[in-house]
PDB file of N, CA and C in Angstrom:
ATOM      1  N   TYR A   1     -11.742-107.220  35.110  1.00  0.00           N
ATOM      2  CA  TYR A   1     -12.875-106.255  34.535  1.00  0.00           C
ATOM      3  C   TYR A   1     -12.883-104.756  35.257  1.00  0.00           C
ATOM      4  N   SER A   2     -14.006-103.911  34.988  1.00  0.00           N
ATOM      5  CA  SER A   2     -13.941-102.492  35.609  1.00  0.00           C
ATOM      6  C   SER A   2     -13.380-102.453  37.156  1.00  0.00           C
ATOM      7  N   ASP A   3     -13.733-103.458  38.044  1.00  0.00           N
ATOM      8  CA  ASP A   3     -13.435-103.560  39.358  1.00  0.00           C
ATOM      9  C   ASP A   3     -12.069-104.173  39.678  1.00  0.00           C
ATOM     10  N   SER A   4     -11.304-104.785  38.770  1.00  0.00           N
ATOM     11  CA  SER A   4     -10.218-105.787  38.880  1.00  0.00           C
ATOM     12  C   SER A   4      -8.914-104.941  39.563  1.00  0.00           C
ATOM     13  N   SER A   5      -8.339-105.272  40.381  1.00  0.00           N
ATOM     14  CA  SER A   5      -6.910-104.724  41.215  1.00  0.00           C
ATOM     15  C   SER A   5      -6.113-104.634  39.683  1.00  0.00           C
ATOM     16  N   ASN A   6      -6.466-105.375  38.657  1.00  0.00           N
ATOM     17  CA  ASN A   6      -5.252-105.179  37.160  1.00  0.00           C
ATOM     18  C   ASN A   6      -5.635-104.153  36.360  1.00  0.00           C
ATOM     19  N   ASN A   7      -6.814-103.192  37.014  1.00  0.00           N
ATOM     20  CA  ASN A   7      -6.973-102.583  36.163  1.00  0.00           C
ATOM     21  C   ASN A   7      -6.529-101.247  36.307  1.00  0.00           C
ATOM     22  N   HIS A   8      -5.793-101.022  35.585  1.00  0.00           N
ATOM     23  CA  HIS A   8      -4.042-100.208  35.814  1.00  0.00           C
ATOM     24  C   HIS A   8      -4.817 -98.507  35.287  1.00  0.00           C
ATOM     25  N   THR A   9      -5.808 -98.577  34.278  1.00  0.00           N
ATOM     26  CA  THR A   9      -5.836 -97.447  33.666  1.00  0.00           C
ATOM     27  C   THR A   9      -7.326 -96.917  34.469  1.00  0.00           C
ATOM     28  N   ASN A  10      -7.682 -97.510  35.265  1.00  0.00           N
ATOM     29  CA  ASN A  10      -8.939 -97.380  35.579  1.00  0.00           C
ATOM     30  C   ASN A  10     -10.464 -97.188  34.578  1.00  0.00           C
ATOM     31  N   TYR A  11      -9.815 -97.737  33.499  1.00  0.00           N
ATOM     32  CA  TYR A  11     -10.991 -97.966  32.587  1.00  0.00           C
ATOM     33  C   TYR A  11     -12.332 -98.617  32.904  1.00  0.00           C
ATOM     34  N   SER A  12     -13.580 -98.163  32.365  1.00  0.00           N
ATOM     35  CA  SER A  12     -14.724 -98.572  32.862  1.00  0.00           C
ATOM     36  C   SER A  12     -16.079 -98.402  32.022  1.00  0.00           C
ATOM     37  N   ASN A  13     -16.820 -99.569  31.522  1.00  0.00           N
ATOM     38  CA  ASN A  13     -17.338 -99.640  30.649  1.00  0.00           C
ATOM     39  C   ASN A  13     -18.224-100.866  31.040  1.00  0.00           C
ATOM     40  N   PRO A  14     -19.969-100.333  31.744  1.00  0.00           N
ATOM     41  CA  PRO A  14     -20.304-101.585  32.113  1.00  0.00           C
ATOM     42  C   PRO A  14     -20.994-102.456  30.725  1.00  0.00           C
ATOM     43  N   GLU A  15     -20.822-101.797  29.603  1.00  0.00           N
ATOM     44  CA  GLU A  15     -21.109-102.979  28.392  1.00  0.00           C
ATOM     45  C   GLU A  15     -20.035-103.950  28.278  1.00  0.00           C
ATOM     46  N   VAL A  16     -19.028-103.377  28.334  1.00  0.00           N
ATOM     47  CA  VAL A  16     -17.809-104.376  28.358  1.00  0.00           C
ATOM     48  C   VAL A  16     -17.759-105.424  29.302  1.00  0.00           C
ATOM     49  N   ASP A  17     -17.915-104.520  30.425  1.00  0.00           N
ATOM     50  CA  ASP A  17     -18.041-105.954  31.637  1.00  0.00           C
ATOM     51  C   ASP A  17     -19.327-107.104  31.495  1.00  0.00           C
ATOM     52  N   ALA A  18     -19.936-106.789  31.021  1.00  0.00           N
ATOM     53  CA  ALA A  18     -21.454-107.270  30.657  1.00  0.00           C
ATOM     54  C   ALA A  18     -20.721-108.349  29.809  1.00  0.00           C
ATOM     55  N   LEU A  19     -20.437-108.002  28.610  1.00  0.00           N
ATOM     56  CA  LEU A  19     -20.006-108.882  27.919  1.00  0.00           C
ATOM     57  C   LEU A  19     -18.702-109.615  27.833  1.00  0.00           C
ATOM     58  N   LEU A  20     -17.901-108.957  28.705  1.00  0.00           N
ATOM     59  CA  LEU A  20     -16.738-110.320  28.872  1.00  0.00           C
ATOM     60  C   LEU A  20     -17.087-111.226  30.271  1.00  0.00           C
ATOM     61  N   GLU A  21     -18.458-110.863  30.970  1.00  0.00           N
ATOM     62  CA  GLU A  21     -19.098-112.089  31.811  1.00  0.00           C
ATOM     63  C   GLU A  21     -20.149-112.923  31.061  1.00  0.00           C
ATOM     64  N   LYS A  22     -20.165-112.363  30.054  1.00  0.00           N
ATOM     65  CA  LYS A  22     -21.148-113.443  29.307  1.00  0.00           C
ATOM     66  C   LYS A  22     -19.794-114.673  28.343  1.00  0.00           C
ATOM     67  N   ALA A  23     -18.871-113.565  27.638  1.00  0.00           N
ATOM     68  CA  ALA A  23     -17.925-114.476  26.998  1.00  0.00           C
ATOM     69  C   ALA A  23     -16.911-115.395  28.260  1.00  0.00           C
ATOM     70  N   ARG A  24     -17.170-115.202  29.226  1.00  0.00           N
ATOM     71  CA  ARG A  24     -16.593-116.155  30.796  1.00  0.00           C
ATOM     72  C   ARG A  24     -17.190-117.311  30.796  1.00  0.00           C
ATOM     73  N   VAL A  25     -18.525-117.539  30.189  1.00  0.00           N
ATOM     74  CA  VAL A  25     -19.202-118.487  31.024  1.00  0.00           C
ATOM     75  C   VAL A  25     -20.095-118.903  29.309  1.00  0.00           C
ATOM     76  N   GLU A  26     -19.995-118.672  28.523  1.00  0.00           N
ATOM     77  CA  GLU A  26     -19.964-119.451  26.974  1.00  0.00           C
ATOM     78  C   GLU A  26     -18.976-120.619  26.476  1.00  0.00           C
ATOM     79  N   THR A  27     -19.754-121.695  25.908  1.00  0.00           N
ATOM     80  CA  THR A  27     -19.284-122.975  26.094  1.00  0.00           C
ATOM     81  C   THR A  27     -19.045-123.059  24.217  1.00  0.00           C
ATOM     82  N   ASP A  28     -19.925-122.208  23.727  1.00  0.00           N
ATOM     83  CA  ASP A  28     -19.861-121.753  22.307  1.00  0.00           C
ATOM     84  C   ASP A  28     -18.488-121.126  21.852  1.00  0.00           C
ATOM     85  N   GLU A  29     -17.453-122.000  21.355  1.00  0.00           N
ATOM     86  CA  GLU A  29     -16.479-121.006  20.618  1.00  0.00           C
ATOM     87  C   GLU A  29     -16.485-119.998  20.161  1.00  0.00           C
ATOM     88  N   THR A  30     -17.664-120.263  18.916  1.00  0.00           N
ATOM     89  CA  THR A  30     -17.665-119.489  17.741  1.00  0.00           C
ATOM     90  C   THR A  30     -18.534-118.341  18.421  1.00  0.00           C
ATOM     91  N   LEU A  31     -19.224-118.457  19.453  1.00  0.00           N
ATOM     92  CA  LEU A  31     -20.098-117.367  20.087  1.00  0.00           C
ATOM     93  C   LEU A  31     -19.112-116.946  20.969  1.00  0.00           C
ATOM     94  N   ARG A  32     -18.737-117.066  21.745  1.00  0.00           N
ATOM     95  CA  ARG A  32     -17.383-116.396  22.613  1.00  0.00           C
ATOM     96  C   ARG A  32     -16.111-115.541  21.860  1.00  0.00           C
ATOM     97  N   PHE A  33     -15.966-116.379  20.989  1.00  0.00           N
ATOM     98  CA  PHE A  33     -14.665-115.128  20.112  1.00  0.00           C
ATOM     99  C   PHE A  33     -15.605-114.453  19.520  1.00  0.00           C
ATOM    100  N   SER A  34     -16.796-114.270  18.821  1.00  0.00           N
ATOM    101  CA  SER A  34     -17.744-113.046  18.721  1.00  0.00           C
ATOM    102  C   SER A  34     -18.013-111.975  19.576  1.00  0.00           C
ATOM    103  N   ILE A  35     -18.021-112.530  21.001  1.00  0.00           N
ATOM    104  CA  ILE A  35     -18.252-111.483  22.087  1.00  0.00           C
ATOM    105  C   ILE A  35     -16.796-110.914  22.016  1.00  0.00           C
ATOM    106  N   TYR A  36     -15.825-111.394  22.122  1.00  0.00           N
ATOM    107  CA  TYR A  36     -14.902-111.213  22.684  1.00  0.00           C
ATOM    108  C   TYR A  36     -14.222-109.848  21.279  1.00  0.00           C
ATOM    109  N   ASN A  37     -14.458-110.472  20.442  1.00  0.00           N
ATOM    110  CA  ASN A  37     -14.596-109.348  18.755  1.00  0.00           C
ATOM    111  C   ASN A  37     -15.133-108.148  19.238  1.00  0.00           C
ATOM    112  N   LYS A  38     -16.606-108.337  19.694  1.00  0.00           N
ATOM    113  CA  LYS A  38     -17.078-106.767  20.093  1.00  0.00           C
ATOM    114  C   LYS A  38     -16.503-105.800  21.176  1.00  0.00           C
ATOM    115  N   VAL A  39     -15.905-106.749  22.341  1.00  0.00           N
ATOM    116  CA  VAL A  39     -15.365-105.999  23.328  1.00  0.00           C
ATOM    117  C   VAL A  39     -14.214-105.749  23.016  1.00  0.00           C
ATOM    118  N   GLU A  40     -13.277-106.052  22.067  1.00  0.00           N
ATOM    119  CA  GLU A  40     -12.022-105.510  21.470  1.00  0.00           C
ATOM    120  C   GLU A  40     -12.978-104.038  20.438  1.00  0.00           C
ATOM    121  N   GLN A  41     -13.835-104.173  19.616  1.00  0.00           N
ATOM    122  CA  GLN A  41     -14.309-103.156  18.992  1.00  0.00           C
ATOM    123  C   GLN A  41     -14.777-101.838  20.013  1.00  0.00           C
ATOM    124  N   ILE A  42     -15.162-102.046  20.810  1.00  0.00           N
ATOM    125  CA  ILE A  42     -15.971-101.095  21.615  1.00  0.00           C
ATOM    126  C   ILE A  42     -14.364-100.456  22.646  1.00  0.00           C
ATOM    127  N   ILE A  43     -14.231-101.342  23.292  1.00  0.00           N
ATOM    128  CA  ILE A  43     -12.748-100.828  23.833  1.00  0.00           C
ATOM    129  C   ILE A  43     -11.372 -99.759  22.930  1.00  0.00           C
ATOM    130  N   LEU A  44     -11.527-100.435  21.425  1.00  0.00           N
ATOM    131  CA  LEU A  44     -11.041 -99.331  20.783  1.00  0.00           C
ATOM    132  C   LEU A  44     -11.498 -98.340  20.383  1.00  0.00           C
ATOM    133  N   ASP A  45     -12.772 -98.287  19.925  1.00  0.00           N
ATOM    134  CA  ASP A  45     -13.557 -97.084  19.816  1.00  0.00           C
ATOM    135  C   ASP A  45     -13.819 -96.207  21.519  1.00  0.00           C
ATOM    136  N   ASP A  46     -13.622 -96.628  22.130  1.00  0.00           N
ATOM    137  CA  ASP A  46     -13.405 -95.837  23.273  1.00  0.00           C
ATOM    138  C   ASP A  46     -11.927 -95.129  23.683  1.00  0.00           C
ATOM    139  N   ALA A  47     -10.810 -95.812  23.314  1.00  0.00           N
ATOM    140  CA  ALA A  47      -9.688 -95.659  22.938  1.00  0.00           C
ATOM    141  C   ALA A  47      -9.084 -95.171  24.518  1.00  0.00           C
ATOM    142  N   PRO A  48      -9.362 -95.499  25.449  1.00  0.00           N
ATOM    143  CA  PRO A  48      -9.247 -95.999  27.054  1.00  0.00           C
ATOM    144  C   PRO A  48      -7.579 -95.575  27.406  1.00  0.00           C
ATOM    145  N   TRP A  49      -6.535 -95.853  26.593  1.00  0.00           N
ATOM    146  CA  TRP A  49      -5.397 -95.527  26.784  1.00  0.00           C
ATOM    147  C   TRP A  49      -4.718 -94.652  25.255  1.00  0.00           C
ATOM    148  N   ILE A  50      -3.673 -93.881  25.095  1.00  0.00           N
ATOM    149  CA  ILE A  50      -3.152 -93.508  24.346  1.00  0.00           C
ATOM    150  C   ILE A  50      -1.960 -93.012  24.810  1.00  0.00           C
ATOM    151  N   PRO A  51      -0.731 -93.277  23.806  1.00  0.00           N
ATOM    152  CA  PRO A  51       0.570 -93.710  24.044  1.00  0.00           C
ATOM    153  C   PRO A  51       1.021 -92.165  24.280  1.00  0.00           C
ATOM    154  N   LEU A  52       1.868 -91.986  25.376  1.00  0.00           N
ATOM    155  CA  LEU A  52       1.677 -90.361  24.902  1.00  0.00           C
ATOM    156  C   LEU A  52       3.143 -90.111  24.126  1.00  0.00           C
ATOM    157  N   TRP A  53       4.516 -91.043  24.311  1.00  0.00           N
ATOM    158  CA  TRP A  53       5.554 -91.021  24.011  1.00  0.00           C
ATOM    159  C   TRP A  53       6.371 -92.309  22.995  1.00  0.00           C
ATOM    160  N   TYR A  54       6.924 -92.402  22.210  1.00  0.00           N
ATOM    161  CA  TYR A  54       7.667 -93.408  21.526  1.00  0.00           C
ATOM    162  C   TYR A  54       9.298 -93.453  22.081  1.00  0.00           C
ATOM    163  N   SER A  55       9.882 -94.221  22.370  1.00  0.00           N
ATOM    164  CA  SER A  55      11.022 -94.350  22.591  1.00  0.00           C
ATOM    165  C   SER A  55      12.025 -94.539  21.644  1.00  0.00           C
ATOM    166  N   GLY A  56      11.442 -95.010  20.508  1.00  0.00           N
ATOM    167  CA  GLY A  56      12.475 -95.208  19.530  1.00  0.00           C
ATOM    168  C   GLY A  56      12.427 -96.668  18.750  1.00  0.00           C
ATOM    169  N   GLU A  57      13.634 -96.908  18.637  1.00  0.00           N
ATOM    170  CA  GLU A  57      14.203 -98.443  18.225  1.00  0.00           C
ATOM    171  C   GLU A  57      13.607 -99.634  19.672  1.00  0.00           C
ATOM    172  N   ARG A  58      12.485-100.794  19.203  1.00  0.00           N
ATOM    173  CA  ARG A  58      12.797-101.631  20.147  1.00  0.00           C
ATOM    174  C   ARG A  58      13.324-102.866  19.406  1.00  0.00           C
ATOM    175  N   TYR A  59      13.504-103.779  20.353  1.00  0.00           N
ATOM    176  CA  TYR A  59      14.049-105.077  19.749  1.00  0.00           C
ATOM    177  C   TYR A  59      13.689-106.493  20.709  1.00  0.00           C
ATOM    178  N   LEU A  60      13.372-107.585  20.031  1.00  0.00           N
ATOM    179  CA  LEU A  60      12.587-108.908  20.850  1.00  0.00           C
ATOM    180  C   LEU A  60      13.142-109.740  20.608  1.00  0.00           C
ATOM    181  N   LEU A  61      13.408-110.615  21.768  1.00  0.00           N
ATOM    182  CA  LEU A  61      14.366-111.654  21.457  1.00  0.00           C
ATOM    183  C   LEU A  61      13.425-112.889  21.698  1.00  0.00           C
ATOM    184  N   VAL A  62      13.119-113.639  20.864  1.00  0.00           N
ATOM    185  CA  VAL A  62      12.248-114.672  20.726  1.00  0.00           C
ATOM    186  C   VAL A  62      12.809-116.268  20.759  1.00  0.00           C
ATOM    187  N   LYS A  63      12.297-116.966  21.649  1.00  0.00           N
ATOM    188  CA  LYS A  63      12.908-118.567  21.367  1.00  0.00           C
ATOM    189  C   LYS A  63      12.654-118.758  20.015  1.00  0.00           C
ATOM    190  N   PRO A  64      13.628-119.779  19.504  1.00  0.00           N
ATOM    191  CA  PRO A  64      12.999-120.086  17.915  1.00  0.00           C
ATOM    192  C   PRO A  64      11.949-120.914  17.794  1.00  0.00           C
ATOM    193  N   TYR A  65      11.142-121.514  19.077  1.00  0.00           N
ATOM    194  CA  TYR A  65      10.284-122.445  18.970  1.00  0.00           C
ATOM    195  C   TYR A  65       8.956-121.365  19.309  1.00  0.00           C
ATOM    196  N   VAL A  66       9.082-120.399  19.303  1.00  0.00           N
ATOM    197  CA  VAL A  66       7.694-119.659  19.191  1.00  0.00           C
ATOM    198  C   VAL A  66       7.752-119.085  18.455  1.00  0.00           C
ATOM    199  N   HIS A  67       6.624-118.882  17.682  1.00  0.00           N
ATOM    200  CA  HIS A  67       6.335-118.532  16.075  1.00  0.00           C
ATOM    201  C   HIS A  67       5.181-117.411  16.322  1.00  0.00           C
ATOM    202  N   ASP A  68       5.448-116.446  15.098  1.00  0.00           N
ATOM    203  CA  ASP A  68       4.145-115.349  14.662  1.00  0.00           C
ATOM    204  C   ASP A  68       4.294-114.201  16.308  1.00  0.00           C
ATOM    205  N   TYR A  69       5.012-114.276  16.790  1.00  0.00           N
ATOM    206  CA  TYR A  69       4.883-113.274  17.964  1.00  0.00           C
ATOM    207  C   TYR A  69       5.175-112.094  17.090  1.00  0.00           C
ATOM    208  N   LEU A  70       4.426-111.035  17.179  1.00  0.00           N
ATOM    209  CA  LEU A  70       4.500-109.846  16.624  1.00  0.00           C
ATOM    210  C   LEU A  70       4.415-108.727  17.948  1.00  0.00           C
ATOM    211  N   LEU A  71       5.354-107.883  17.609  1.00  0.00           N
ATOM    212  CA  LEU A  71       5.710-106.779  18.647  1.00  0.00           C
ATOM    213  C   LEU A  71       4.809-105.329  18.171  1.00  0.00           C
ATOM    214  N   THR A  72       3.709-105.314  18.577  1.00  0.00           N
ATOM    215  CA  THR A  72       2.695-104.211  18.417  1.00  0.00           C
ATOM    216  C   THR A  72       2.874-102.468  18.703  1.00  0.00           C
ATOM    217  N   PRO A  73       2.475-101.414  17.943  1.00  0.00           N
ATOM    218  CA  PRO A  73       3.260-100.372  18.134  1.00  0.00           C
ATOM    219  C   PRO A  73       2.959-100.169  19.658  1.00  0.00           C
ATOM    220  N   LEU A  74       1.863-100.611  19.955  1.00  0.00           N
ATOM    221  CA  LEU A  74       1.371-100.315  21.744  1.00  0.00           C
ATOM    222  C   LEU A  74       2.436-101.100  22.388  1.00  0.00           C
ATOM    223  N   ILE A  75       2.888-101.930  22.049  1.00  0.00           N
ATOM    224  CA  ILE A  75       4.268-102.770  22.841  1.00  0.00           C
ATOM    225  C   ILE A  75       3.015-104.244  23.325  1.00  0.00           C
ATOM    226  N   ILE A  76       1.707-103.994  23.036  1.00  0.00           N
ATOM    227  CA  ILE A  76       1.138-105.046  23.886  1.00  0.00           C
ATOM    228  C   ILE A  76       0.724-106.232  22.862  1.00  0.00           C
ATOM    229  N   PRO A  77       1.463-107.184  23.200  1.00  0.00           N
ATOM    230  CA  PRO A  77       1.290-108.565  22.125  1.00  0.00           C
ATOM    231  C   PRO A  77       0.294-109.230  22.175  1.00  0.00           C
ATOM    232  N   LYS A  78      -0.490-109.322  20.865  1.00  0.00           N
ATOM    233  CA  LYS A  78      -1.629-110.064  20.216  1.00  0.00           C
ATOM    234  C   LYS A  78      -1.446-111.583  20.636  1.00  0.00           C
ATOM    235  N   LEU A  79      -1.776-111.963  21.161  1.00  0.00           N
ATOM    236  CA  LEU A  79      -0.987-113.431  21.386  1.00  0.00           C
ATOM    237  C   LEU A  79      -2.054-114.887  20.678  1.00  0.00           C
ATOM    238  N   ARG A  80      -3.287-114.267  19.925  1.00  0.00           N
ATOM    239  CA  ARG A  80      -4.034-114.926  19.269  1.00  0.00           C
ATOM    240  C   ARG A  80      -3.598-115.734  18.164  1.00  0.00           C
ATOM    241  N   HIS A  81      -2.484-115.638  17.446  1.00  0.00           N
ATOM    242  CA  HIS A  81      -1.540-116.221  16.719  1.00  0.00           C
ATOM    243  C   HIS A  81      -0.427-116.785  17.142  1.00  0.00           C
ATOM    244  N   ILE A  82       0.014-117.035  18.060  1.00  0.00           N
ATOM    245  CA  ILE A  82       1.245-117.150  18.677  1.00  0.00           C
ATOM    246  C   ILE A  82       1.005-119.154  18.768  1.00  0.00           C
ATOM    247  N   TYR A  83       2.502-119.467  18.037  1.00  0.00           N
ATOM    248  CA  TYR A  83       1.796-121.028  18.523  1.00  0.00           C
ATOM    249  C   TYR A  83       3.425-121.229  18.700  1.00  0.00           C
ATOM    250  N   LEU A  84       3.590-122.371  19.222  1.00  0.00           N
ATOM    251  CA  LEU A  84       4.596-123.170  19.894  1.00  0.00           C
ATOM    252  C   LEU A  84       5.023-124.310  18.958  1.00  0.00           C
ATOM    253  N   THR A  85       6.114-124.675  19.009  1.00  0.00           N
ATOM    254  CA  THR A  85       6.557-126.064  18.237  1.00  0.00           C
ATOM    255  C   THR A  85       7.731-127.004  19.128  1.00  0.00           C
ATOM    256  N   ASP A  86       8.151-128.044  18.884  1.00  0.00           N
ATOM    257  CA  ASP A  86       8.617-128.726  19.780  1.00  0.00           C
ATOM    258  C   ASP A  86      10.077-128.427  19.717  1.00  0.00           C
ATOM    259  N   LYS A  87      10.873-127.808  20.734  1.00  0.00           N
ATOM    260  CA  LYS A  87      11.812-126.861  21.254  1.00  0.00           C
ATOM    261  C   LYS A  87      12.817-127.605  21.023  1.00  0.00           C
ATOM    262  N   ASP A  88      12.608-129.196  20.885  1.00  0.00           N
ATOM    263  CA  ASP A  88      14.040-129.996  20.796  1.00  0.00           C
ATOM    264  C   ASP A  88      14.307-130.634  19.281  1.00  0.00           C
ATOM    265  N   LYS A  89      13.364-130.157  18.254  1.00  0.00           N
ATOM    266  CA  LYS A  89      13.471-130.191  16.665  1.00  0.00           C
ATOM    267  C   LYS A  89      14.730-128.832  16.370  1.00  0.00           C
TER     268      LYS A  89
END
């Protein structure tokens, strides 16, 4: 969260931190998903990171058994829809 060593943008929002902690311990999957959606919306509204340039063409190599991997405009992968199939098939 805000104090994490992985917080390279120094983004800090106490409400986001509290919601992330709440989601971390929530056992109800539907409620946890709802909390993460709220966190995502807050972060989008805060816009803590804005890309300043775009280098042009982007290419991505993905193994054939990886499905629904999308390269987003911000180059941050959205992993929620990715799934794997047996790579021997």
